[in-house]
């Protein structure tokens, strides 16, 4: 069992090094605890119990403190604010011609149709996704207004 726990600890450590997502470091600690138990002659059931208990304890204590470190550099972008919102077409959206722009939240975005439709200026569409620097739009539901407040004046930026 000593070799098993050494191999387990090394594998969990390698997985942690590859992912760097704090996904298996808890099991390294558990395997090391079980290894100590095995070296001291503990029963197999006790080794497994120590592995599970120590892994769970490390997870319960350390994960809440470390999860904020994993997300520390996340910043909201304009994309987070426009996806799913209604946009007004300010320049004809035609994927074949490579043209199109929409206004949403007072900003002008280069736009393309997510499904290949053509949209005329003044049409209301929905921001579906972003590919590169282009907003991929979808047709708005039939009850959407023909001219939303964002449609005031198209900008040339």
Protein backbone atom coordinates (compact mmCIF):
# COMPACT_ATOMS: atom_id res chain seq x y z
CA UNK A 1 0.00 0.00 0.00
CA UNK A 2 2.94 2.34 0.54
CA UNK A 3 3.70 2.32 -3.19
CA UNK A 4 0.01 2.86 -4.01
CA UNK A 5 -0.15 6.00 -1.86
CA UNK A 6 3.12 7.36 -3.27
CA UNK A 7 1.86 6.81 -6.83
CA UNK A 8 -1.52 8.36 -5.95
CA UNK A 9 0.12 11.44 -4.43
CA UNK A 10 2.38 11.89 -7.47
CA UNK A 11 -0.51 11.48 -9.93
CA UNK A 12 -2.69 13.96 -8.03
CA UNK A 13 0.23 16.39 -7.90
CA UNK A 14 0.82 16.07 -11.65
CA UNK A 15 -2.89 16.63 -12.36
CA UNK A 16 -2.81 19.73 -10.16
CA UNK A 17 0.29 21.06 -11.92
CA UNK A 18 -1.29 20.54 -15.34
CA UNK A 19 -4.65 22.12 -14.50
CA UNK A 20 -3.53 24.76 -11.98
CA UNK A 21 -7.17 25.02 -10.95
CA UNK A 22 -7.02 23.73 -7.39
CA UNK A 23 -8.83 20.57 -8.45
CA UNK A 24 -6.75 17.80 -6.91
CA UNK A 25 -4.38 19.33 -4.37
CA UNK A 26 -6.73 18.11 -1.60
CA UNK A 27 -6.12 14.52 -2.66
CA UNK A 28 -2.35 15.00 -2.48
CA UNK A 29 -2.69 15.88 1.20
CA UNK A 30 -5.01 12.89 1.76
CA UNK A 31 -2.64 10.50 -0.02
CA UNK A 32 0.30 11.75 2.05
CA UNK A 33 -1.68 11.20 5.26
CA UNK A 34 -2.63 7.69 4.14
CA UNK A 35 1.02 7.06 3.22
CA UNK A 36 2.12 7.93 6.76
CA UNK A 37 -0.55 5.57 8.11
CA UNK A 38 0.66 2.79 5.77
CA UNK A 39 4.30 3.29 6.79
CA UNK A 40 3.27 3.02 10.46
CA UNK A 41 1.45 -0.25 9.70
CA UNK A 42 -2.14 0.98 9.80
CA UNK A 43 -4.93 -1.19 8.40
CA UNK A 44 -6.06 -0.59 4.83
CA UNK A 45 -9.51 0.57 6.00
CA UNK A 46 -7.81 3.14 8.26
CA UNK A 47 -5.60 4.35 5.39
CA UNK A 48 -8.66 4.87 3.17
CA UNK A 49 -10.50 6.61 6.02
CA UNK A 50 -7.53 8.95 6.61
CA UNK A 51 -7.28 9.64 2.86
CA UNK A 52 -10.96 10.59 2.64
CA UNK A 53 -11.04 12.55 5.89
CA UNK A 54 -7.86 14.52 5.24
CA UNK A 55 -8.84 15.26 1.62
CA UNK A 56 -12.28 16.46 2.72
CA UNK A 57 -10.88 18.52 5.57
CA UNK A 58 -8.33 20.24 3.31
CA UNK A 59 -11.03 20.98 0.76
CA UNK A 60 -13.44 22.36 3.39
CA UNK A 61 -10.81 24.60 4.98
CA UNK A 62 -8.78 25.79 2.00
CA UNK A 63 -11.19 26.01 -0.95
CA UNK A 64 -13.29 28.92 0.40
CA UNK A 65 -10.09 30.91 0.95
CA UNK A 66 -8.53 30.03 -2.40
CA UNK A 67 -11.56 30.42 -4.70
CA UNK A 68 -11.23 34.20 -4.64
CA UNK A 69 -7.61 33.91 -5.76
CA UNK A 70 -8.69 31.82 -8.75
CA UNK A 71 -11.06 34.58 -9.94
CA UNK A 72 -8.99 37.62 -9.00
CA UNK A 73 -8.30 38.99 -12.49
CA UNK A 74 -11.82 38.74 -13.92
CA UNK A 75 -13.16 42.04 -15.15
CA UNK A 76 -16.56 42.74 -16.60
CA UNK A 77 -16.53 43.74 -20.27
CA UNK A 78 -18.96 45.53 -22.55
CA UNK A 79 -19.95 42.10 -23.84
CA UNK A 80 -21.35 41.17 -20.45
CA UNK A 81 -23.65 44.16 -20.66
CA UNK A 82 -24.95 43.83 -24.23
CA UNK A 83 -25.61 40.12 -24.69
CA UNK A 84 -29.33 39.43 -24.75
CA UNK A 85 -30.26 43.11 -25.12
CA UNK A 86 -32.26 44.69 -27.91
CA UNK A 87 -30.18 46.57 -30.49
CA UNK A 88 -31.22 48.89 -33.30
CA UNK A 89 -29.68 48.38 -36.71
CA UNK A 90 -27.88 51.55 -37.79
CA UNK A 91 -26.26 50.16 -40.95
CA UNK A 92 -27.75 47.42 -43.12
CA UNK A 93 -26.64 44.01 -41.85
CA UNK A 94 -25.69 41.84 -44.81
CA UNK A 95 -23.23 39.00 -44.17
CA UNK A 96 -22.52 38.53 -47.89
CA UNK A 97 -21.63 42.19 -48.34
CA UNK A 98 -19.74 42.25 -45.02
CA UNK A 99 -21.71 45.23 -43.71
CA UNK A 100 -23.67 45.97 -40.60
CA UNK A 101 -23.75 47.97 -37.41
CA UNK A 102 -26.06 48.23 -34.45
CA UNK A 103 -26.51 50.63 -31.58
CA UNK A 104 -26.93 49.26 -28.07
CA UNK A 105 -26.50 51.09 -24.79
CA UNK A 106 -25.33 54.21 -26.59
CA UNK A 107 -22.47 52.35 -28.29
CA UNK A 108 -22.12 51.30 -31.91
CA UNK A 109 -21.01 47.75 -32.64
CA UNK A 110 -20.04 46.15 -35.92
CA UNK A 111 -22.68 43.48 -36.41
CA UNK A 112 -23.37 40.37 -38.45
CA UNK A 113 -26.41 38.14 -38.57
CA UNK A 114 -26.00 34.92 -36.59
CA UNK A 115 -28.31 33.08 -39.02
CA UNK A 116 -27.55 34.89 -42.27
CA UNK A 117 -30.63 37.13 -42.40
CA UNK A 118 -30.45 40.66 -43.77
CA UNK A 119 -31.63 43.49 -41.50
CA UNK A 120 -32.42 47.03 -42.60
CA UNK A 121 -31.62 50.22 -40.60
CA UNK A 122 -34.17 50.81 -37.84
CA UNK A 123 -34.88 47.10 -37.30
CA UNK A 124 -34.71 45.79 -33.76
CA UNK A 125 -32.47 42.75 -33.19
CA UNK A 126 -31.12 40.86 -30.18
CA UNK A 127 -27.42 40.62 -29.32
CA UNK A 128 -26.75 36.88 -29.33
CA UNK A 129 -22.99 36.44 -29.08
CA UNK A 130 -19.66 38.02 -29.91
CA UNK A 131 -17.19 36.67 -32.44
CA UNK A 132 -13.96 38.61 -32.47
CA UNK A 133 -15.06 42.26 -32.47
CA UNK A 134 -18.42 41.66 -34.14
CA UNK A 135 -21.75 41.36 -32.40
CA UNK A 136 -23.73 38.41 -33.77
CA UNK A 137 -27.42 39.36 -33.79
CA UNK A 138 -30.68 37.46 -33.98
CA UNK A 139 -34.15 38.61 -35.03
CA UNK A 140 -36.06 40.25 -32.18
CA UNK A 141 -39.41 38.85 -31.10
CA UNK A 142 -42.38 40.20 -33.05
CA UNK A 143 -43.49 42.42 -30.16
CA UNK A 144 -40.22 44.45 -30.16
CA UNK A 145 -40.56 48.12 -30.99
CA UNK A 146 -39.43 49.31 -34.42
CA UNK A 147 -37.36 52.13 -32.96
CA UNK A 148 -35.73 51.74 -29.58
CA UNK A 149 -34.22 54.68 -27.64
CA UNK A 150 -30.69 53.59 -28.65
CA UNK A 151 -31.50 54.29 -32.31
CA UNK A 152 -31.26 58.06 -32.02
CA UNK A 153 -28.16 58.90 -34.03
CA UNK A 154 -25.74 56.36 -35.46
CA UNK A 155 -22.14 57.10 -34.65
CA UNK A 156 -19.30 56.71 -37.13
CA UNK A 157 -16.87 55.03 -34.71
